[in-house]
Amino acid sequence: MNPSPLGASILHELAEVPSADGMSLPRLGKRLGQGVSALMRELSLMGDAVIGGVPGPGWVKVVRMDDRWLAHLTPAGRTQVESFPHHE
């Protein structure tokens, strides 16, 4: 499975921050020029949720800490990013 263009952009952005920190959804949206609802749709497809009977790839996880939603890259997500062609 390959991510959509937005999904690939999300994975690249999350790969730039320490995994333990994650990135808040508003910050991620601002960096990508996307609304939080668009990000949540894409993140749900890249998580481990079962959608239509098919489990997701588990590349990201979204957690709520206090009143903030944070997106984190999982080890599987980091492997996916490392498999992307490198652009100079």
PDB file of N, CA and C in Angstrom:
ATOM      1  N   MET A   1       0.842  -1.183   0.000  1.00  0.00           N
ATOM      2  CA  MET A   1       0.000   0.000   0.000  1.00  0.00           C
ATOM      3  C   MET A   1       0.883   1.240   0.000  1.00  0.00           C
ATOM      4  N   ASN A   2       0.548   2.181  -0.850  1.00  0.00           N
ATOM      5  CA  ASN A   2       1.251   3.450  -0.890  1.00  0.00           C
ATOM      6  C   ASN A   2       0.316   4.548  -0.410  1.00  0.00           C
ATOM      7  N   PRO A   3       0.848   5.538   0.294  1.00  0.00           N
ATOM      8  CA  PRO A   3      -0.001   6.634   0.762  1.00  0.00           C
ATOM      9  C   PRO A   3      -0.379   7.560  -0.384  1.00  0.00           C
ATOM     10  N   SER A   4      -1.454   8.296  -0.186  1.00  0.00           N
ATOM     11  CA  SER A   4      -1.855   9.336  -1.129  1.00  0.00           C
ATOM     12  C   SER A   4      -0.798  10.444  -1.077  1.00  0.00           C
ATOM     13  N   PRO A   5      -0.853  11.407  -1.992  1.00  0.00           N
ATOM     14  CA  PRO A   5       0.093  12.532  -1.906  1.00  0.00           C
ATOM     15  C   PRO A   5       0.003  13.265  -0.559  1.00  0.00           C
ATOM     16  N   LEU A   6      -1.212  13.479  -0.046  1.00  0.00           N
ATOM     17  CA  LEU A   6      -1.341  14.117   1.265  1.00  0.00           C
ATOM     18  C   LEU A   6      -0.773  13.210   2.350  1.00  0.00           C
ATOM     19  N   GLY A   7      -1.049  11.923   2.261  1.00  0.00           N
ATOM     20  CA  GLY A   7      -0.517  10.983   3.235  1.00  0.00           C
ATOM     21  C   GLY A   7       1.000  10.969   3.247  1.00  0.00           C
ATOM     22  N   ALA A   8       1.617  11.009   2.067  1.00  0.00           N
ATOM     23  CA  ALA A   8       3.079  11.041   1.985  1.00  0.00           C
ATOM     24  C   ALA A   8       3.619  12.323   2.617  1.00  0.00           C
ATOM     25  N   SER A   9       2.934  13.442   2.388  1.00  0.00           N
ATOM     26  CA  SER A   9       3.359  14.711   2.988  1.00  0.00           C
ATOM     27  C   SER A   9       3.262  14.661   4.506  1.00  0.00           C
ATOM     28  N   ILE A  10       2.193  14.065   5.005  1.00  0.00           N
ATOM     29  CA  ILE A  10       2.032  13.918   6.460  1.00  0.00           C
ATOM     30  C   ILE A  10       3.169  13.072   7.030  1.00  0.00           C
ATOM     31  N   LEU A  11       3.458  11.954   6.387  1.00  0.00           N
ATOM     32  CA  LEU A  11       4.526  11.078   6.874  1.00  0.00           C
ATOM     33  C   LEU A  11       5.873  11.802   6.878  1.00  0.00           C
ATOM     34  N   HIS A  12       6.154  12.567   5.822  1.00  0.00           N
ATOM     35  CA  HIS A  12       7.411  13.326   5.766  1.00  0.00           C
ATOM     36  C   HIS A  12       7.492  14.335   6.906  1.00  0.00           C
ATOM     37  N   GLU A  13       6.407  15.059   7.151  1.00  0.00           N
ATOM     38  CA  GLU A  13       6.409  16.051   8.233  1.00  0.00           C
ATOM     39  C   GLU A  13       6.619  15.391   9.595  1.00  0.00           C
ATOM     40  N   LEU A  14       5.933  14.287   9.835  1.00  0.00           N
ATOM     41  CA  LEU A  14       6.062  13.602  11.120  1.00  0.00           C
ATOM     42  C   LEU A  14       7.449  12.994  11.298  1.00  0.00           C
ATOM     43  N   ALA A  15       8.095  12.637  10.197  1.00  0.00           N
ATOM     44  CA  ALA A  15       9.447  12.070  10.284  1.00  0.00           C
ATOM     45  C   ALA A  15      10.467  13.110  10.732  1.00  0.00           C
ATOM     46  N   GLU A  16      10.116  14.385  10.625  1.00  0.00           N
ATOM     47  CA  GLU A  16      11.038  15.461  10.995  1.00  0.00           C
ATOM     48  C   GLU A  16      11.044  15.769  12.489  1.00  0.00           C
ATOM     49  N   VAL A  17      10.101  15.224  13.241  1.00  0.00           N
ATOM     50  CA  VAL A  17      10.028  15.506  14.684  1.00  0.00           C
ATOM     51  C   VAL A  17      10.317  14.225  15.466  1.00  0.00           C
ATOM     52  N   PRO A  18      10.850  14.361  16.682  1.00  0.00           N
ATOM     53  CA  PRO A  18      11.071  13.152  17.486  1.00  0.00           C
ATOM     54  C   PRO A  18       9.762  12.391  17.696  1.00  0.00           C
ATOM     55  N   SER A  19       9.815  11.081  17.560  1.00  0.00           N
ATOM     56  CA  SER A  19       8.608  10.248  17.663  1.00  0.00           C
ATOM     57  C   SER A  19       7.860  10.457  18.967  1.00  0.00           C
ATOM     58  N   ALA A  20       8.606  10.636  20.056  1.00  0.00           N
ATOM     59  CA  ALA A  20       7.959  10.788  21.361  1.00  0.00           C
ATOM     60  C   ALA A  20       7.162  12.082  21.447  1.00  0.00           C
ATOM     61  N   ASP A  21       7.586  13.106  20.713  1.00  0.00           N
ATOM     62  CA  ASP A  21       6.911  14.404  20.770  1.00  0.00           C
ATOM     63  C   ASP A  21       5.651  14.453  19.915  1.00  0.00           C
ATOM     64  N   GLY A  22       5.702  13.889  18.739  1.00  0.00           N
ATOM     65  CA  GLY A  22       4.588  13.999  17.821  1.00  0.00           C
ATOM     66  C   GLY A  22       4.428  15.441  17.368  1.00  0.00           C
ATOM     67  N   MET A  23       3.337  15.706  16.664  1.00  0.00           N
ATOM     68  CA  MET A  23       3.046  17.059  16.189  1.00  0.00           C
ATOM     69  C   MET A  23       1.560  17.308  16.355  1.00  0.00           C
ATOM     70  N   SER A  24       1.220  18.488  16.869  1.00  0.00           N
ATOM     71  CA  SER A  24      -0.194  18.812  17.049  1.00  0.00           C
ATOM     72  C   SER A  24      -0.864  18.912  15.678  1.00  0.00           C
ATOM     73  N   LEU A  25      -2.133  18.549  15.632  1.00  0.00           N
ATOM     74  CA  LEU A  25      -2.844  18.587  14.359  1.00  0.00           C
ATOM     75  C   LEU A  25      -2.948  19.997  13.789  1.00  0.00           C
ATOM     76  N   PRO A  26      -3.206  21.040  14.608  1.00  0.00           N
ATOM     77  CA  PRO A  26      -3.220  22.386  14.025  1.00  0.00           C
ATOM     78  C   PRO A  26      -1.870  22.781  13.405  1.00  0.00           C
ATOM     79  N   ARG A  27      -0.778  22.416  14.066  1.00  0.00           N
ATOM     80  CA  ARG A  27       0.543  22.740  13.518  1.00  0.00           C
ATOM     81  C   ARG A  27       0.791  21.982  12.225  1.00  0.00           C
ATOM     82  N   LEU A  28       0.451  20.695  12.210  1.00  0.00           N
ATOM     83  CA  LEU A  28       0.612  19.886  11.008  1.00  0.00           C
ATOM     84  C   LEU A  28      -0.225  20.460   9.868  1.00  0.00           C
ATOM     85  N   GLY A  29      -1.461  20.845  10.172  1.00  0.00           N
ATOM     86  CA  GLY A  29      -2.326  21.434   9.155  1.00  0.00           C
ATOM     87  C   GLY A  29      -1.759  22.720   8.604  1.00  0.00           C
ATOM     88  N   LYS A  30      -1.207  23.547   9.466  1.00  0.00           N
ATOM     89  CA  LYS A  30      -0.626  24.818   9.028  1.00  0.00           C
ATOM     90  C   LYS A  30       0.577  24.565   8.119  1.00  0.00           C
ATOM     91  N   ARG A  31       1.400  23.613   8.483  1.00  0.00           N
ATOM     92  CA  ARG A  31       2.589  23.306   7.676  1.00  0.00           C
ATOM     93  C   ARG A  31       2.221  22.760   6.305  1.00  0.00           C
ATOM     94  N   LEU A  32       1.088  22.050   6.228  1.00  0.00           N
ATOM     95  CA  LEU A  32       0.680  21.428   4.964  1.00  0.00           C
ATOM     96  C   LEU A  32      -0.402  22.205   4.225  1.00  0.00           C
ATOM     97  N   GLY A  33      -0.907  23.264   4.843  1.00  0.00           N
ATOM     98  CA  GLY A  33      -1.971  24.036   4.204  1.00  0.00           C
ATOM     99  C   GLY A  33      -3.292  23.277   4.138  1.00  0.00           C
ATOM    100  N   GLN A  34      -3.556  22.482   5.158  1.00  0.00           N
ATOM    101  CA  GLN A  34      -4.763  21.649   5.201  1.00  0.00           C
ATOM    102  C   GLN A  34      -5.517  21.892   6.501  1.00  0.00           C
ATOM    103  N   GLY A  35      -6.826  21.692   6.465  1.00  0.00           N
ATOM    104  CA  GLY A  35      -7.629  21.763   7.674  1.00  0.00           C
ATOM    105  C   GLY A  35      -7.491  20.494   8.497  1.00  0.00           C
ATOM    106  N   VAL A  36      -7.801  20.612   9.774  1.00  0.00           N
ATOM    107  CA  VAL A  36      -7.681  19.463  10.672  1.00  0.00           C
ATOM    108  C   VAL A  36      -8.602  18.325  10.235  1.00  0.00           C
ATOM    109  N   SER A  37      -9.782  18.637   9.723  1.00  0.00           N
ATOM    110  CA  SER A  37     -10.692  17.554   9.307  1.00  0.00           C
ATOM    111  C   SER A  37     -10.101  16.748   8.152  1.00  0.00           C
ATOM    112  N   ALA A  38      -9.434  17.410   7.205  1.00  0.00           N
ATOM    113  CA  ALA A  38      -8.788  16.686   6.101  1.00  0.00           C
ATOM    114  C   ALA A  38      -7.655  15.808   6.638  1.00  0.00           C
ATOM    115  N   LEU A  39      -6.907  16.347   7.600  1.00  0.00           N
ATOM    116  CA  LEU A  39      -5.833  15.563   8.193  1.00  0.00           C
ATOM    117  C   LEU A  39      -6.378  14.341   8.921  1.00  0.00           C
ATOM    118  N   MET A  40      -7.447  14.529   9.689  1.00  0.00           N
ATOM    119  CA  MET A  40      -8.020  13.401  10.441  1.00  0.00           C
ATOM    120  C   MET A  40      -8.502  12.294   9.507  1.00  0.00           C
ATOM    121  N   ARG A  41      -9.111  12.675   8.388  1.00  0.00           N
ATOM    122  CA  ARG A  41      -9.534  11.651   7.417  1.00  0.00           C
ATOM    123  C   ARG A  41      -8.332  10.855   6.924  1.00  0.00           C
ATOM    124  N   GLU A  42      -7.277  11.560   6.565  1.00  0.00           N
ATOM    125  CA  GLU A  42      -6.085  10.884   6.041  1.00  0.00           C
ATOM    126  C   GLU A  42      -5.386  10.069   7.123  1.00  0.00           C
ATOM    127  N   LEU A  43      -5.265  10.635   8.316  1.00  0.00           N
ATOM    128  CA  LEU A  43      -4.619   9.922   9.420  1.00  0.00           C
ATOM    129  C   LEU A  43      -5.383   8.653   9.786  1.00  0.00           C
ATOM    130  N   SER A  44      -6.703   8.701   9.707  1.00  0.00           N
ATOM    131  CA  SER A  44      -7.485   7.506  10.040  1.00  0.00           C
ATOM    132  C   SER A  44      -7.199   6.373   9.054  1.00  0.00           C
ATOM    133  N   LEU A  45      -6.927   6.716   7.797  1.00  0.00           N
ATOM    134  CA  LEU A  45      -6.601   5.692   6.799  1.00  0.00           C
ATOM    135  C   LEU A  45      -5.196   5.118   6.997  1.00  0.00           C
ATOM    136  N   MET A  46      -4.320   5.916   7.615  1.00  0.00           N
ATOM    137  CA  MET A  46      -2.926   5.486   7.798  1.00  0.00           C
ATOM    138  C   MET A  46      -2.669   4.882   9.173  1.00  0.00           C
ATOM    139  N   GLY A  47      -3.662   4.889  10.041  1.00  0.00           N
ATOM    140  CA  GLY A  47      -3.523   4.292  11.365  1.00  0.00           C
ATOM    141  C   GLY A  47      -3.751   2.795  11.303  1.00  0.00           C
ATOM    142  N   ASP A  48      -4.084   2.211  12.453  1.00  0.00           N
ATOM    143  CA  ASP A  48      -4.311   0.765  12.483  1.00  0.00           C
ATOM    144  C   ASP A  48      -5.794   0.388  12.582  1.00  0.00           C
ATOM    145  N   ALA A  49      -6.673   1.378  12.412  1.00  0.00           N
ATOM    146  CA  ALA A  49      -8.108   1.101  12.482  1.00  0.00           C
ATOM    147  C   ALA A  49      -8.539   0.185  11.333  1.00  0.00           C
ATOM    148  N   VAL A  50      -9.545  -0.623  11.597  1.00  0.00           N
ATOM    149  CA  VAL A  50     -10.112  -1.493  10.574  1.00  0.00           C
ATOM    150  C   VAL A  50     -11.230  -0.716   9.883  1.00  0.00           C
ATOM    151  N   ILE A  51     -11.069  -0.486   8.591  1.00  0.00           N
ATOM    152  CA  ILE A  51     -12.054   0.256   7.802  1.00  0.00           C
ATOM    153  C   ILE A  51     -12.498  -0.639   6.656  1.00  0.00           C
ATOM    154  N   GLY A  52     -13.788  -0.903   6.587  1.00  0.00           N
ATOM    155  CA  GLY A  52     -14.309  -1.786   5.551  1.00  0.00           C
ATOM    156  C   GLY A  52     -13.760  -3.195   5.664  1.00  0.00           C
ATOM    157  N   GLY A  53     -13.474  -3.611   6.892  1.00  0.00           N
ATOM    158  CA  GLY A  53     -12.961  -4.964   7.118  1.00  0.00           C
ATOM    159  C   GLY A  53     -11.469  -5.115   6.855  1.00  0.00           C
ATOM    160  N   VAL A  54     -10.808  -4.022   6.497  1.00  0.00           N
ATOM    161  CA  VAL A  54      -9.377  -4.080   6.185  1.00  0.00           C
ATOM    162  C   VAL A  54      -8.607  -3.243   7.206  1.00  0.00           C
ATOM    163  N   PRO A  55      -7.650  -3.852   7.911  1.00  0.00           N
ATOM    164  CA  PRO A  55      -6.867  -3.066   8.868  1.00  0.00           C
ATOM    165  C   PRO A  55      -5.942  -2.094   8.141  1.00  0.00           C
ATOM    166  N   GLY A  56      -5.758  -0.929   8.733  1.00  0.00           N
ATOM    167  CA  GLY A  56      -4.846   0.063   8.175  1.00  0.00           C
ATOM    168  C   GLY A  56      -3.395  -0.364   8.346  1.00  0.00           C
ATOM    169  N   PRO A  57      -2.485   0.350   7.699  1.00  0.00           N
ATOM    170  CA  PRO A  57      -1.073  -0.040   7.736  1.00  0.00           C
ATOM    171  C   PRO A  57      -0.367   0.263   9.054  1.00  0.00           C
ATOM    172  N   GLY A  58      -0.966   1.076   9.913  1.00  0.00           N
ATOM    173  CA  GLY A  58      -0.358   1.371  11.207  1.00  0.00           C
ATOM    174  C   GLY A  58       0.846   2.297  11.126  1.00  0.00           C
ATOM    175  N   TRP A  59       0.854   3.208  10.155  1.00  0.00           N
ATOM    176  CA  TRP A  59       1.982   4.120   9.990  1.00  0.00           C
ATOM    177  C   TRP A  59       1.966   5.261  10.994  1.00  0.00           C
ATOM    178  N   VAL A  60       0.789   5.617  11.480  1.00  0.00           N
ATOM    179  CA  VAL A  60       0.665   6.745  12.413  1.00  0.00           C
ATOM    180  C   VAL A  60      -0.264   6.371  13.550  1.00  0.00           C
ATOM    181  N   LYS A  61      -0.160   7.128  14.638  1.00  0.00           N
ATOM    182  CA  LYS A  61      -1.155   7.030  15.697  1.00  0.00           C
ATOM    183  C   LYS A  61      -1.485   8.456  16.121  1.00  0.00           C
ATOM    184  N   VAL A  62      -2.725   8.661  16.496  1.00  0.00           N
ATOM    185  CA  VAL A  62      -3.184   9.966  16.957  1.00  0.00           C
ATOM    186  C   VAL A  62      -3.644   9.793  18.395  1.00  0.00           C
ATOM    187  N   VAL A  63      -3.108  10.623  19.266  1.00  0.00           N
ATOM    188  CA  VAL A  63      -3.442  10.538  20.684  1.00  0.00           C
ATOM    189  C   VAL A  63      -3.884  11.911  21.184  1.00  0.00           C
ATOM    190  N   ARG A  64      -4.715  11.878  22.208  1.00  0.00           N
ATOM    191  CA  ARG A  64      -5.144  13.114  22.834  1.00  0.00           C
ATOM    192  C   ARG A  64      -4.387  13.270  24.139  1.00  0.00           C
ATOM    193  N   MET A  65      -3.708  14.388  24.284  1.00  0.00           N
ATOM    194  CA  MET A  65      -2.997  14.707  25.518  1.00  0.00           C
ATOM    195  C   MET A  65      -3.590  16.004  26.045  1.00  0.00           C
ATOM    196  N   ASP A  66      -4.265  15.894  27.176  1.00  0.00           N
ATOM    197  CA  ASP A  66      -5.007  17.023  27.731  1.00  0.00           C
ATOM    198  C   ASP A  66      -6.015  17.506  26.686  1.00  0.00           C
ATOM    199  N   ASP A  67      -5.856  18.709  26.191  1.00  0.00           N
ATOM    200  CA  ASP A  67      -6.816  19.219  25.207  1.00  0.00           C
ATOM    201  C   ASP A  67      -6.227  19.293  23.799  1.00  0.00           C
ATOM    202  N   ARG A  68      -5.102  18.599  23.571  1.00  0.00           N
ATOM    203  CA  ARG A  68      -4.434  18.637  22.264  1.00  0.00           C
ATOM    204  C   ARG A  68      -4.439  17.263  21.618  1.00  0.00           C
ATOM    205  N   TRP A  69      -4.656  17.236  20.304  1.00  0.00           N
ATOM    206  CA  TRP A  69      -4.529  16.019  19.517  1.00  0.00           C
ATOM    207  C   TRP A  69      -3.152  16.034  18.870  1.00  0.00           C
ATOM    208  N   LEU A  70      -2.394  14.950  19.052  1.00  0.00           N
ATOM    209  CA  LEU A  70      -1.042  14.840  18.510  1.00  0.00           C
ATOM    210  C   LEU A  70      -0.945  13.645  17.572  1.00  0.00           C
ATOM    211  N   ALA A  71      -0.275  13.845  16.449  1.00  0.00           N
ATOM    212  CA  ALA A  71      -0.005  12.762  15.509  1.00  0.00           C
ATOM    213  C   ALA A  71       1.433  12.298  15.701  1.00  0.00           C
ATOM    214  N   HIS A  72       1.620  10.987  15.735  1.00  0.00           N
ATOM    215  CA  HIS A  72       2.938  10.383  15.917  1.00  0.00           C
ATOM    216  C   HIS A  72       3.205   9.411  14.776  1.00  0.00           C
ATOM    217  N   LEU A  73       4.444   9.367  14.336  1.00  0.00           N
ATOM    218  CA  LEU A  73       4.877   8.380  13.363  1.00  0.00           C
ATOM    219  C   LEU A  73       5.252   7.107  14.113  1.00  0.00           C
ATOM    220  N   THR A  74       4.771   5.975  13.667  1.00  0.00           N
ATOM    221  CA  THR A  74       5.117   4.694  14.289  1.00  0.00           C
ATOM    222  C   THR A  74       6.380   4.138  13.626  1.00  0.00           C
ATOM    223  N   PRO A  75       6.968   3.095  14.196  1.00  0.00           N
ATOM    224  CA  PRO A  75       8.117   2.468  13.524  1.00  0.00           C
ATOM    225  C   PRO A  75       7.770   2.009  12.095  1.00  0.00           C
ATOM    226  N   ALA A  76       6.563   1.498  11.896  1.00  0.00           N
ATOM    227  CA  ALA A  76       6.154   1.099  10.542  1.00  0.00           C
ATOM    228  C   ALA A  76       6.075   2.317   9.621  1.00  0.00           C
ATOM    229  N   GLY A  77       5.638   3.444  10.153  1.00  0.00           N
ATOM    230  CA  GLY A  77       5.588   4.674   9.371  1.00  0.00           C
ATOM    231  C   GLY A  77       6.978   5.170   9.008  1.00  0.00           C
ATOM    232  N   ARG A  78       7.903   5.067   9.946  1.00  0.00           N
ATOM    233  CA  ARG A  78       9.283   5.484   9.670  1.00  0.00           C
ATOM    234  C   ARG A  78       9.880   4.603   8.571  1.00  0.00           C
ATOM    235  N   THR A  79       9.610   3.311   8.618  1.00  0.00           N
ATOM    236  CA  THR A  79      10.079   2.407   7.565  1.00  0.00           C
ATOM    237  C   THR A  79       9.490   2.808   6.220  1.00  0.00           C
ATOM    238  N   GLN A  80       8.215   3.175   6.223  1.00  0.00           N
ATOM    239  CA  GLN A  80       7.559   3.603   4.982  1.00  0.00           C
ATOM    240  C   GLN A  80       8.239   4.857   4.428  1.00  0.00           C
ATOM    241  N   VAL A  81       8.500   5.842   5.288  1.00  0.00           N
ATOM    242  CA  VAL A  81       9.151   7.081   4.840  1.00  0.00           C
ATOM    243  C   VAL A  81      10.534   6.775   4.274  1.00  0.00           C
ATOM    244  N   GLU A  82      11.264   5.892   4.926  1.00  0.00           N
ATOM    245  CA  GLU A  82      12.606   5.547   4.453  1.00  0.00           C
ATOM    246  C   GLU A  82      12.577   4.852   3.098  1.00  0.00           C
ATOM    247  N   SER A  83      11.451   4.272   2.726  1.00  0.00           N
ATOM    248  CA  SER A  83      11.348   3.600   1.432  1.00  0.00           C
ATOM    249  C   SER A  83      11.014   4.561   0.290  1.00  0.00           C
ATOM    250  N   PHE A  84      10.640   5.809   0.628  1.00  0.00           N
ATOM    251  CA  PHE A  84      10.313   6.796  -0.406  1.00  0.00           C
ATOM    252  C   PHE A  84      11.580   7.189  -1.167  1.00  0.00           C
ATOM    253  N   PRO A  85      11.424   7.510  -2.456  1.00  0.00           N
ATOM    254  CA  PRO A  85      12.584   8.049  -3.187  1.00  0.00           C
ATOM    255  C   PRO A  85      13.008   9.378  -2.552  1.00  0.00           C
ATOM    256  N   HIS A  86      14.293   9.632  -2.505  1.00  0.00           N
ATOM    257  CA  HIS A  86      14.798  10.867  -1.911  1.00  0.00           C
ATOM    258  C   HIS A  86      14.842  11.954  -2.965  1.00  0.00           C
ATOM    259  N   HIS A  87      14.351  13.126  -2.574  1.00  0.00           N
ATOM    260  CA  HIS A  87      14.380  14.277  -3.472  1.00  0.00           C
ATOM    261  C   HIS A  87      15.418  15.264  -2.958  1.00  0.00           C
ATOM    262  N   GLU A  88      16.218  15.772  -3.842  1.00  0.00           N
ATOM    263  CA  GLU A  88      17.231  16.775  -3.457  1.00  0.00           C
ATOM    264  C   GLU A  88      16.687  18.148  -3.723  1.00  0.00           C
TER     265      GLU A  88
END
